[in-house]
Amino acid sequence: DISFSYVENDSSPNPVDMTANQTAAELDVTTLSYGGTSLLDSVSDTNGNGAIDIQDLSAANLTGLSGISAGSSKNFIIGVTANSSMSHDFQADGITITMNFTLNQ
C-alpha cells in the first residue's frame, strides 16, 4: 500500500499565505508508477480542478498493489510539476510531502 500526506512548510518572506491544501492543488503529478505500472489511473481528481495533483494523491486509495519478493526490488517513480497557471501568490509557500509504503508479509 502507498499513501501520501503533506503539511505546510513555507519560507519567508511570505507576502500571501496560501494554505497547504491550496499549494498541494497546484502541484500536478505527471508520473506515478510502481514496478513499471502507471498508478495515475487509480487516482481521481477529487478536488475537481482538472488535474491529478498532490492533494488528490493524499485522498487516493493505493492499496492491494503487488508486493516485493525477498531480495528483489521494484522502482517507484513520481514526477511533479508546478501547474502552469500557478500565480505569484504562491511565492514562498511550500509543503512537505510524506510517502508511506506499507508492506505486509
PDB file of N, CA and C in Angstrom:
ATOM      1  N   ASP A   1       0.850  -1.179   0.000  1.00  0.00           N
ATOM      2  CA  ASP A   1       0.000   0.000   0.000  1.00  0.00           C
ATOM      3  C   ASP A   1       0.888   1.233   0.000  1.00  0.00           C
ATOM      4  N   ILE A   2       0.433   2.273  -0.682  1.00  0.00           N
ATOM      5  CA  ILE A   2       1.151   3.538  -0.717  1.00  0.00           C
ATOM      6  C   ILE A   2       0.172   4.635  -0.318  1.00  0.00           C
ATOM      7  N   SER A   3       0.596   5.502   0.596  1.00  0.00           N
ATOM      8  CA  SER A   3      -0.243   6.641   0.972  1.00  0.00           C
ATOM      9  C   SER A   3       0.606   7.907   1.012  1.00  0.00           C
ATOM     10  N   PHE A   4      -0.059   9.032   0.829  1.00  0.00           N
ATOM     11  CA  PHE A   4       0.601  10.328   0.774  1.00  0.00           C
ATOM     12  C   PHE A   4      -0.053  11.280   1.759  1.00  0.00           C
ATOM     13  N   SER A   5       0.752  12.136   2.357  1.00  0.00           N
ATOM     14  CA  SER A   5       0.241  13.223   3.198  1.00  0.00           C
ATOM     15  C   SER A   5       1.168  14.418   3.017  1.00  0.00           C
ATOM     16  N   TYR A   6       0.720  15.557   3.493  1.00  0.00           N
ATOM     17  CA  TYR A   6       1.545  16.759   3.377  1.00  0.00           C
ATOM     18  C   TYR A   6       1.187  17.732   4.497  1.00  0.00           C
ATOM     19  N   VAL A   7       2.150  18.582   4.812  1.00  0.00           N
ATOM     20  CA  VAL A   7       1.955  19.657   5.786  1.00  0.00           C
ATOM     21  C   VAL A   7       2.578  20.923   5.209  1.00  0.00           C
ATOM     22  N   GLU A   8       2.116  22.056   5.695  1.00  0.00           N
ATOM     23  CA  GLU A   8       2.631  23.335   5.222  1.00  0.00           C
ATOM     24  C   GLU A   8       4.088  23.513   5.644  1.00  0.00           C
ATOM     25  N   ASN A   9       4.879  24.101   4.755  1.00  0.00           N
ATOM     26  CA  ASN A   9       6.293  24.353   5.023  1.00  0.00           C
ATOM     27  C   ASN A   9       6.710  25.581   4.216  1.00  0.00           C
ATOM     28  N   ASP A  10       6.331  26.752   4.706  1.00  0.00           N
ATOM     29  CA  ASP A  10       6.574  27.992   3.985  1.00  0.00           C
ATOM     30  C   ASP A  10       7.953  28.575   4.289  1.00  0.00           C
ATOM     31  N   SER A  11       8.426  29.399   3.352  1.00  0.00           N
ATOM     32  CA  SER A  11       9.641  30.182   3.547  1.00  0.00           C
ATOM     33  C   SER A  11       9.231  31.618   3.844  1.00  0.00           C
ATOM     34  N   SER A  12      10.197  32.455   4.080  1.00  0.00           N
ATOM     35  CA  SER A  12       9.860  33.864   4.291  1.00  0.00           C
ATOM     36  C   SER A  12      10.737  34.709   3.376  1.00  0.00           C
ATOM     37  N   PRO A  13      10.343  35.890   3.014  1.00  0.00           N
ATOM     38  CA  PRO A  13       9.038  36.449   3.368  1.00  0.00           C
ATOM     39  C   PRO A  13       7.932  35.751   2.580  1.00  0.00           C
ATOM     40  N   ASN A  14       6.736  35.726   3.166  1.00  0.00           N
ATOM     41  CA  ASN A  14       5.590  35.067   2.561  1.00  0.00           C
ATOM     42  C   ASN A  14       4.445  36.086   2.477  1.00  0.00           C
ATOM     43  N   PRO A  15       4.450  36.900   1.415  1.00  0.00           N
ATOM     44  CA  PRO A  15       3.500  38.018   1.349  1.00  0.00           C
ATOM     45  C   PRO A  15       2.034  37.587   1.303  1.00  0.00           C
ATOM     46  N   VAL A  16       1.713  36.477   0.645  1.00  0.00           N
ATOM     47  CA  VAL A  16       0.342  35.955   0.594  1.00  0.00           C
ATOM     48  C   VAL A  16       0.406  34.524   1.110  1.00  0.00           C
ATOM     49  N   ASP A  17      -0.171  34.263   2.265  1.00  0.00           N
ATOM     50  CA  ASP A  17      -0.067  32.945   2.887  1.00  0.00           C
ATOM     51  C   ASP A  17      -1.146  32.007   2.354  1.00  0.00           C
ATOM     52  N   MET A  18      -0.768  31.179   1.386  1.00  0.00           N
ATOM     53  CA  MET A  18      -1.678  30.180   0.840  1.00  0.00           C
ATOM     54  C   MET A  18      -1.629  28.950   1.760  1.00  0.00           C
ATOM     55  N   THR A  19      -2.737  28.224   1.849  1.00  0.00           N
ATOM     56  CA  THR A  19      -2.797  27.049   2.714  1.00  0.00           C
ATOM     57  C   THR A  19      -2.050  25.877   2.085  1.00  0.00           C
ATOM     58  N   ALA A  20      -1.800  24.868   2.892  1.00  0.00           N
ATOM     59  CA  ALA A  20      -1.169  23.651   2.383  1.00  0.00           C
ATOM     60  C   ALA A  20      -2.042  23.009   1.311  1.00  0.00           C
ATOM     61  N   ASN A  21      -3.363  22.999   1.503  1.00  0.00           N
ATOM     62  CA  ASN A  21      -4.268  22.423   0.500  1.00  0.00           C
ATOM     63  C   ASN A  21      -4.220  23.190  -0.811  1.00  0.00           C
ATOM     64  N   GLN A  22      -4.178  24.520  -0.734  1.00  0.00           N
ATOM     65  CA  GLN A  22      -4.091  25.319  -1.953  1.00  0.00           C
ATOM     66  C   GLN A  22      -2.784  25.047  -2.688  1.00  0.00           C
ATOM     67  N   THR A  23      -1.697  24.932  -1.956  1.00  0.00           N
ATOM     68  CA  THR A  23      -0.397  24.658  -2.573  1.00  0.00           C
ATOM     69  C   THR A  23      -0.370  23.262  -3.179  1.00  0.00           C
ATOM     70  N   ALA A  24      -0.879  22.266  -2.463  1.00  0.00           N
ATOM     71  CA  ALA A  24      -0.892  20.887  -2.964  1.00  0.00           C
ATOM     72  C   ALA A  24      -1.711  20.768  -4.248  1.00  0.00           C
ATOM     73  N   ALA A  25      -2.768  21.563  -4.371  1.00  0.00           N
ATOM     74  CA  ALA A  25      -3.616  21.525  -5.561  1.00  0.00           C
ATOM     75  C   ALA A  25      -2.940  22.139  -6.782  1.00  0.00           C
ATOM     76  N   GLU A  26      -1.845  22.874  -6.580  1.00  0.00           N
ATOM     77  CA  GLU A  26      -1.111  23.498  -7.687  1.00  0.00           C
ATOM     78  C   GLU A  26       0.086  22.673  -8.144  1.00  0.00           C
ATOM     79  N   LEU A  27       0.349  21.547  -7.483  1.00  0.00           N
ATOM     80  CA  LEU A  27       1.487  20.690  -7.847  1.00  0.00           C
ATOM     81  C   LEU A  27       0.970  19.455  -8.565  1.00  0.00           C
ATOM     82  N   ASP A  28       1.028  19.484  -9.885  1.00  0.00           N
ATOM     83  CA  ASP A  28       0.488  18.420 -10.725  1.00  0.00           C
ATOM     84  C   ASP A  28       1.414  17.207 -10.728  1.00  0.00           C
ATOM     85  N   VAL A  29       0.818  16.030 -10.650  1.00  0.00           N
ATOM     86  CA  VAL A  29       1.563  14.778 -10.722  1.00  0.00           C
ATOM     87  C   VAL A  29       1.570  14.343 -12.182  1.00  0.00           C
ATOM     88  N   THR A  30       2.749  14.285 -12.782  1.00  0.00           N
ATOM     89  CA  THR A  30       2.879  13.934 -14.199  1.00  0.00           C
ATOM     90  C   THR A  30       3.207  12.465 -14.405  1.00  0.00           C
ATOM     91  N   THR A  31       3.842  11.857 -13.416  1.00  0.00           N
ATOM     92  CA  THR A  31       4.218  10.443 -13.475  1.00  0.00           C
ATOM     93  C   THR A  31       4.022   9.841 -12.092  1.00  0.00           C
ATOM     94  N   LEU A  32       3.429   8.674 -12.051  1.00  0.00           N
ATOM     95  CA  LEU A  32       3.305   7.918 -10.806  1.00  0.00           C
ATOM     96  C   LEU A  32       3.284   6.449 -11.192  1.00  0.00           C
ATOM     97  N   SER A  33       4.412   5.774 -10.978  1.00  0.00           N
ATOM     98  CA  SER A  33       4.474   4.363 -11.362  1.00  0.00           C
ATOM     99  C   SER A  33       5.172   3.540 -10.293  1.00  0.00           C
ATOM    100  N   TYR A  34       4.761   2.295 -10.234  1.00  0.00           N
ATOM    101  CA  TYR A  34       5.322   1.336  -9.276  1.00  0.00           C
ATOM    102  C   TYR A  34       5.522   0.026 -10.011  1.00  0.00           C
ATOM    103  N   GLY A  35       6.749  -0.454 -10.011  1.00  0.00           N
ATOM    104  CA  GLY A  35       7.052  -1.717 -10.679  1.00  0.00           C
ATOM    105  C   GLY A  35       6.776  -1.689 -12.167  1.00  0.00           C
ATOM    106  N   GLY A  36       6.907  -0.513 -12.783  1.00  0.00           N
ATOM    107  CA  GLY A  36       6.689  -0.383 -14.218  1.00  0.00           C
ATOM    108  C   GLY A  36       5.234  -0.179 -14.617  1.00  0.00           C
ATOM    109  N   THR A  37       4.319  -0.107 -13.655  1.00  0.00           N
ATOM    110  CA  THR A  37       2.896   0.090 -13.929  1.00  0.00           C
ATOM    111  C   THR A  37       2.469   1.479 -13.476  1.00  0.00           C
ATOM    112  N   SER A  38       1.816   2.214 -14.360  1.00  0.00           N
ATOM    113  CA  SER A  38       1.331   3.546 -14.005  1.00  0.00           C
ATOM    114  C   SER A  38       0.191   3.430 -12.998  1.00  0.00           C
ATOM    115  N   LEU A  39       0.236   4.270 -11.967  1.00  0.00           N
ATOM    116  CA  LEU A  39      -0.824   4.324 -10.970  1.00  0.00           C
ATOM    117  C   LEU A  39      -1.726   5.536 -11.153  1.00  0.00           C
ATOM    118  N   LEU A  40      -1.451   6.375 -12.148  1.00  0.00           N
ATOM    119  CA  LEU A  40      -2.232   7.596 -12.336  1.00  0.00           C
ATOM    120  C   LEU A  40      -3.716   7.309 -12.569  1.00  0.00           C
ATOM    121  N   ASP A  41      -4.037   6.215 -13.247  1.00  0.00           N
ATOM    122  CA  ASP A  41      -5.442   5.874 -13.486  1.00  0.00           C
ATOM    123  C   ASP A  41      -6.160   5.484 -12.198  1.00  0.00           C
ATOM    124  N   SER A  42      -5.421   5.200 -11.151  1.00  0.00           N
ATOM    125  CA  SER A  42      -6.008   4.822  -9.859  1.00  0.00           C
ATOM    126  C   SER A  42      -6.264   6.033  -8.969  1.00  0.00           C
ATOM    127  N   VAL A  43      -5.919   7.219  -9.450  1.00  0.00           N
ATOM    128  CA  VAL A  43      -6.073   8.446  -8.668  1.00  0.00           C
ATOM    129  C   VAL A  43      -7.165   9.291  -9.311  1.00  0.00           C
ATOM    130  N   SER A  44      -8.143   9.712  -8.519  1.00  0.00           N
ATOM    131  CA  SER A  44      -9.243  10.546  -9.012  1.00  0.00           C
ATOM    132  C   SER A  44      -8.957  12.017  -8.752  1.00  0.00           C
ATOM    133  N   ASP A  45      -9.530  12.854  -9.586  1.00  0.00           N
ATOM    134  CA  ASP A  45      -9.435  14.306  -9.417  1.00  0.00           C
ATOM    135  C   ASP A  45     -10.459  14.726  -8.356  1.00  0.00           C
ATOM    136  N   THR A  46     -10.141  14.450  -7.098  1.00  0.00           N
ATOM    137  CA  THR A  46     -11.098  14.673  -6.008  1.00  0.00           C
ATOM    138  C   THR A  46     -11.391  16.146  -5.751  1.00  0.00           C
ATOM    139  N   ASN A  47     -10.456  17.032  -6.091  1.00  0.00           N
ATOM    140  CA  ASN A  47     -10.705  18.455  -5.864  1.00  0.00           C
ATOM    141  C   ASN A  47     -11.310  19.139  -7.089  1.00  0.00           C
ATOM    142  N   GLY A  48     -11.497  18.400  -8.175  1.00  0.00           N
ATOM    143  CA  GLY A  48     -12.204  18.903  -9.346  1.00  0.00           C
ATOM    144  C   GLY A  48     -11.529  20.018 -10.107  1.00  0.00           C
ATOM    145  N   ASN A  49     -10.198  20.113 -10.030  1.00  0.00           N
ATOM    146  CA  ASN A  49      -9.513  21.195 -10.738  1.00  0.00           C
ATOM    147  C   ASN A  49      -8.996  20.784 -12.119  1.00  0.00           C
ATOM    148  N   GLY A  50      -9.337  19.579 -12.562  1.00  0.00           N
ATOM    149  CA  GLY A  50      -8.961  19.147 -13.905  1.00  0.00           C
ATOM    150  C   GLY A  50      -7.587  18.533 -14.030  1.00  0.00           C
ATOM    151  N   ALA A  51      -6.910  18.310 -12.908  1.00  0.00           N
ATOM    152  CA  ALA A  51      -5.568  17.716 -12.937  1.00  0.00           C
ATOM    153  C   ALA A  51      -5.420  16.751 -11.766  1.00  0.00           C
ATOM    154  N   ILE A  52      -4.527  15.800 -11.919  1.00  0.00           N
ATOM    155  CA  ILE A  52      -4.141  14.946 -10.788  1.00  0.00           C
ATOM    156  C   ILE A  52      -2.984  15.656 -10.100  1.00  0.00           C
ATOM    157  N   ASP A  53      -3.174  15.977  -8.829  1.00  0.00           N
ATOM    158  CA  ASP A  53      -2.185  16.761  -8.098  1.00  0.00           C
ATOM    159  C   ASP A  53      -1.899  16.115  -6.744  1.00  0.00           C
ATOM    160  N   ILE A  54      -1.033  16.752  -5.975  1.00  0.00           N
ATOM    161  CA  ILE A  54      -0.636  16.211  -4.673  1.00  0.00           C
ATOM    162  C   ILE A  54      -1.839  16.107  -3.737  1.00  0.00           C
ATOM    163  N   GLN A  55      -2.756  17.066  -3.792  1.00  0.00           N
ATOM    164  CA  GLN A  55      -3.953  16.990  -2.951  1.00  0.00           C
ATOM    165  C   GLN A  55      -4.769  15.740  -3.297  1.00  0.00           C
ATOM    166  N   ASP A  56      -4.873  15.413  -4.583  1.00  0.00           N
ATOM    167  CA  ASP A  56      -5.581  14.201  -4.999  1.00  0.00           C
ATOM    168  C   ASP A  56      -4.866  12.940  -4.521  1.00  0.00           C
ATOM    169  N   LEU A  57      -3.526  12.946  -4.548  1.00  0.00           N
ATOM    170  CA  LEU A  57      -2.770  11.779  -4.072  1.00  0.00           C
ATOM    171  C   LEU A  57      -3.070  11.488  -2.609  1.00  0.00           C
ATOM    172  N   SER A  58      -3.249  12.533  -1.810  1.00  0.00           N
ATOM    173  CA  SER A  58      -3.495  12.327  -0.377  1.00  0.00           C
ATOM    174  C   SER A  58      -4.845  11.655  -0.128  1.00  0.00           C
ATOM    175  N   ALA A  59      -5.756  11.742  -1.099  1.00  0.00           N
ATOM    176  CA  ALA A  59      -7.070  11.110  -0.969  1.00  0.00           C
ATOM    177  C   ALA A  59      -7.151   9.774  -1.706  1.00  0.00           C
ATOM    178  N   ALA A  60      -6.103   9.409  -2.423  1.00  0.00           N
ATOM    179  CA  ALA A  60      -6.125   8.199  -3.255  1.00  0.00           C
ATOM    180  C   ALA A  60      -6.054   6.929  -2.418  1.00  0.00           C
ATOM    181  N   ASN A  61      -6.705   5.899  -2.917  1.00  0.00           N
ATOM    182  CA  ASN A  61      -6.677   4.579  -2.284  1.00  0.00           C
ATOM    183  C   ASN A  61      -5.757   3.676  -3.109  1.00  0.00           C
ATOM    184  N   LEU A  62      -4.481   3.675  -2.773  1.00  0.00           N
ATOM    185  CA  LEU A  62      -3.493   2.871  -3.497  1.00  0.00           C
ATOM    186  C   LEU A  62      -3.139   1.658  -2.650  1.00  0.00           C
ATOM    187  N   THR A  63      -4.111   0.772  -2.512  1.00  0.00           N
ATOM    188  CA  THR A  63      -3.925  -0.435  -1.714  1.00  0.00           C
ATOM    189  C   THR A  63      -4.000  -1.667  -2.609  1.00  0.00           C
ATOM    190  N   GLY A  64      -3.517  -2.773  -2.098  1.00  0.00           N
ATOM    191  CA  GLY A  64      -3.590  -4.028  -2.829  1.00  0.00           C
ATOM    192  C   GLY A  64      -2.639  -4.146  -3.999  1.00  0.00           C
ATOM    193  N   LEU A  65      -1.594  -3.321  -4.007  1.00  0.00           N
ATOM    194  CA  LEU A  65      -0.603  -3.400  -5.076  1.00  0.00           C
ATOM    195  C   LEU A  65       0.236  -4.659  -4.913  1.00  0.00           C
ATOM    196  N   SER A  66       0.803  -5.138  -5.999  1.00  0.00           N
ATOM    197  CA  SER A  66       1.630  -6.341  -5.916  1.00  0.00           C
ATOM    198  C   SER A  66       2.843  -6.080  -5.037  1.00  0.00           C
ATOM    199  N   GLY A  67       3.254  -7.082  -4.304  1.00  0.00           N
ATOM    200  CA  GLY A  67       4.347  -6.943  -3.350  1.00  0.00           C
ATOM    201  C   GLY A  67       5.718  -7.097  -3.966  1.00  0.00           C
ATOM    202  N   ILE A  68       6.689  -7.149  -3.091  1.00  0.00           N
ATOM    203  CA  ILE A  68       8.087  -7.319  -3.482  1.00  0.00           C
ATOM    204  C   ILE A  68       8.590  -8.608  -2.837  1.00  0.00           C
ATOM    205  N   SER A  69       9.159  -9.478  -3.624  1.00  0.00           N
ATOM    206  CA  SER A  69       9.723 -10.719  -3.094  1.00  0.00           C
ATOM    207  C   SER A  69      11.010 -10.412  -2.343  1.00  0.00           C
ATOM    208  N   ALA A  70      11.324 -11.260  -1.381  1.00  0.00           N
ATOM    209  CA  ALA A  70      12.562 -11.092  -0.601  1.00  0.00           C
ATOM    210  C   ALA A  70      13.761 -11.045  -1.546  1.00  0.00           C
ATOM    211  N   GLY A  71      14.636 -10.068  -1.313  1.00  0.00           N
ATOM    212  CA  GLY A  71      15.855  -9.947  -2.102  1.00  0.00           C
ATOM    213  C   GLY A  71      15.669  -9.267  -3.449  1.00  0.00           C
ATOM    214  N   SER A  72      14.452  -8.850  -3.777  1.00  0.00           N
ATOM    215  CA  SER A  72      14.239  -8.180  -5.061  1.00  0.00           C
ATOM    216  C   SER A  72      13.837  -6.725  -4.826  1.00  0.00           C
ATOM    217  N   SER A  73      13.652  -5.992  -5.896  1.00  0.00           N
ATOM    218  CA  SER A  73      13.277  -4.585  -5.775  1.00  0.00           C
ATOM    219  C   SER A  73      12.299  -4.223  -6.890  1.00  0.00           C
ATOM    220  N   LYS A  74      11.597  -3.110  -6.685  1.00  0.00           N
ATOM    221  CA  LYS A  74      10.720  -2.530  -7.706  1.00  0.00           C
ATOM    222  C   LYS A  74      10.954  -1.027  -7.688  1.00  0.00           C
ATOM    223  N   ASN A  75      10.928  -0.431  -8.854  1.00  0.00           N
ATOM    224  CA  ASN A  75      11.097   1.017  -8.957  1.00  0.00           C
ATOM    225  C   ASN A  75       9.790   1.726  -8.644  1.00  0.00           C
ATOM    226  N   PHE A  76       9.897   2.836  -7.917  1.00  0.00           N
ATOM    227  CA  PHE A  76       8.783   3.745  -7.680  1.00  0.00           C
ATOM    228  C   PHE A  76       9.202   5.086  -8.264  1.00  0.00           C
ATOM    229  N   ILE A  77       8.398   5.609  -9.178  1.00  0.00           N
ATOM    230  CA  ILE A  77       8.754   6.854  -9.857  1.00  0.00           C
ATOM    231  C   ILE A  77       7.596   7.831  -9.724  1.00  0.00           C
ATOM    232  N   ILE A  78       7.916   9.054  -9.297  1.00  0.00           N
ATOM    233  CA  ILE A  78       6.924  10.122  -9.229  1.00  0.00           C
ATOM    234  C   ILE A  78       7.517  11.361  -9.882  1.00  0.00           C
ATOM    235  N   GLY A  79       6.711  12.012 -10.706  1.00  0.00           N
ATOM    236  CA  GLY A  79       7.093  13.267 -11.335  1.00  0.00           C
ATOM    237  C   GLY A  79       6.074  14.325 -10.973  1.00  0.00           C
ATOM    238  N   VAL A  80       6.537  15.478 -10.524  1.00  0.00           N
ATOM    239  CA  VAL A  80       5.661  16.559 -10.092  1.00  0.00           C
ATOM    240  C   VAL A  80       6.115  17.851 -10.754  1.00  0.00           C
ATOM    241  N   THR A  81       5.146  18.672 -11.161  1.00  0.00           N
ATOM    242  CA  THR A  81       5.461  19.970 -11.744  1.00  0.00           C
ATOM    243  C   THR A  81       4.480  21.009 -11.214  1.00  0.00           C
ATOM    244  N   ALA A  82       4.928  22.232 -11.122  1.00  0.00           N
ATOM    245  CA  ALA A  82       4.028  23.317 -10.731  1.00  0.00           C
ATOM    246  C   ALA A  82       3.054  23.568 -11.880  1.00  0.00           C
ATOM    247  N   ASN A  83       1.779  23.723 -11.543  1.00  0.00           N
ATOM    248  CA  ASN A  83       0.754  23.996 -12.541  1.00  0.00           C
ATOM    249  C   ASN A  83       1.135  25.254 -13.313  1.00  0.00           C
ATOM    250  N   SER A  84       0.952  25.227 -14.634  1.00  0.00           N
ATOM    251  CA  SER A  84       1.362  26.353 -15.476  1.00  0.00           C
ATOM    252  C   SER A  84       0.580  27.631 -15.179  1.00  0.00           C
ATOM    253  N   SER A  85      -0.578  27.515 -14.540  1.00  0.00           N
ATOM    254  CA  SER A  85      -1.364  28.710 -14.212  1.00  0.00           C
ATOM    255  C   SER A  85      -1.143  29.174 -12.767  1.00  0.00           C
ATOM    256  N   MET A  86      -0.177  28.584 -12.086  1.00  0.00           N
ATOM    257  CA  MET A  86       0.112  28.951 -10.697  1.00  0.00           C
ATOM    258  C   MET A  86       0.495  30.428 -10.617  1.00  0.00           C
ATOM    259  N   SER A  87      -0.174  31.163  -9.731  1.00  0.00           N
ATOM    260  CA  SER A  87       0.049  32.608  -9.644  1.00  0.00           C
ATOM    261  C   SER A  87       1.237  32.935  -8.735  1.00  0.00           C
ATOM    262  N   HIS A  88       1.641  34.192  -8.768  1.00  0.00           N
ATOM    263  CA  HIS A  88       2.735  34.664  -7.922  1.00  0.00           C
ATOM    264  C   HIS A  88       2.348  34.679  -6.446  1.00  0.00           C
ATOM    265  N   ASP A  89       1.051  34.518  -6.143  1.00  0.00           N
ATOM    266  CA  ASP A  89       0.607  34.469  -4.748  1.00  0.00           C
ATOM    267  C   ASP A  89       1.229  33.296  -3.994  1.00  0.00           C
ATOM    268  N   PHE A  90       1.753  32.298  -4.716  1.00  0.00           N
ATOM    269  CA  PHE A  90       2.319  31.115  -4.083  1.00  0.00           C
ATOM    270  C   PHE A  90       3.814  31.247  -3.777  1.00  0.00           C
ATOM    271  N   GLN A  91       4.407  32.417  -4.065  1.00  0.00           N
ATOM    272  CA  GLN A  91       5.828  32.592  -3.780  1.00  0.00           C
ATOM    273  C   GLN A  91       6.069  32.413  -2.289  1.00  0.00           C
ATOM    274  N   ALA A  92       7.027  31.582  -1.944  1.00  0.00           N
ATOM    275  CA  ALA A  92       7.439  31.246  -0.578  1.00  0.00           C
ATOM    276  C   ALA A  92       6.497  30.280   0.115  1.00  0.00           C
ATOM    277  N   ASP A  93       5.411  29.870  -0.559  1.00  0.00           N
ATOM    278  CA  ASP A  93       4.540  28.840   0.024  1.00  0.00           C
ATOM    279  C   ASP A  93       5.073  27.479  -0.374  1.00  0.00           C
ATOM    280  N   GLY A  94       5.045  26.559   0.559  1.00  0.00           N
ATOM    281  CA  GLY A  94       5.541  25.220   0.272  1.00  0.00           C
ATOM    282  C   GLY A  94       4.852  24.182   1.131  1.00  0.00           C
ATOM    283  N   ILE A  95       5.088  22.933   0.782  1.00  0.00           N
ATOM    284  CA  ILE A  95       4.595  21.808   1.574  1.00  0.00           C
ATOM    285  C   ILE A  95       5.690  20.754   1.669  1.00  0.00           C
ATOM    286  N   THR A  96       5.641  20.000   2.750  1.00  0.00           N
ATOM    287  CA  THR A  96       6.481  18.816   2.896  1.00  0.00           C
ATOM    288  C   THR A  96       5.591  17.615   2.635  1.00  0.00           C
ATOM    289  N   ILE A  97       5.985  16.786   1.687  1.00  0.00           N
ATOM    290  CA  ILE A  97       5.191  15.625   1.289  1.00  0.00           C
ATOM    291  C   ILE A  97       5.801  14.379   1.904  1.00  0.00           C
ATOM    292  N   THR A  98       4.946  13.553   2.517  1.00  0.00           N
ATOM    293  CA  THR A  98       5.381  12.280   3.083  1.00  0.00           C
ATOM    294  C   THR A  98       4.736  11.148   2.295  1.00  0.00           C
ATOM    295  N   MET A  99       5.563  10.184   1.861  1.00  0.00           N
ATOM    296  CA  MET A  99       5.079   8.989   1.175  1.00  0.00           C
ATOM    297  C   MET A  99       5.300   7.805   2.108  1.00  0.00           C
ATOM    298  N   ASN A 100       4.236   7.069   2.385  1.00  0.00           N
ATOM    299  CA  ASN A 100       4.325   5.881   3.243  1.00  0.00           C
ATOM    300  C   ASN A 100       4.108   4.632   2.412  1.00  0.00           C
ATOM    301  N   PHE A 101       4.988   3.661   2.580  1.00  0.00           N
ATOM    302  CA  PHE A 101       4.876   2.377   1.913  1.00  0.00           C
ATOM    303  C   PHE A 101       4.646   1.317   2.992  1.00  0.00           C
ATOM    304  N   THR A 102       3.542   0.611   2.880  1.00  0.00           N
ATOM    305  CA  THR A 102       3.225  -0.435   3.848  1.00  0.00           C
ATOM    306  C   THR A 102       3.369  -1.787   3.177  1.00  0.00           C
ATOM    307  N   LEU A 103       4.255  -2.599   3.718  1.00  0.00           N
ATOM    308  CA  LEU A 103       4.487  -3.947   3.182  1.00  0.00           C
ATOM    309  C   LEU A 103       4.057  -4.962   4.219  1.00  0.00           C
ATOM    310  N   ASN A 104       3.177  -5.859   3.833  1.00  0.00           N
ATOM    311  CA  ASN A 104       2.715  -6.907   4.749  1.00  0.00           C
ATOM    312  C   ASN A 104       3.222  -8.256   4.267  1.00  0.00           C
ATOM    313  N   GLN A 105       3.569  -9.104   5.215  1.00  0.00           N
ATOM    314  CA  GLN A 105       4.046 -10.433   4.841  1.00  0.00           C
ATOM    315  C   GLN A 105       2.972 -11.434   5.168  1.00  0.00           C
TER     316      GLN A 105
END
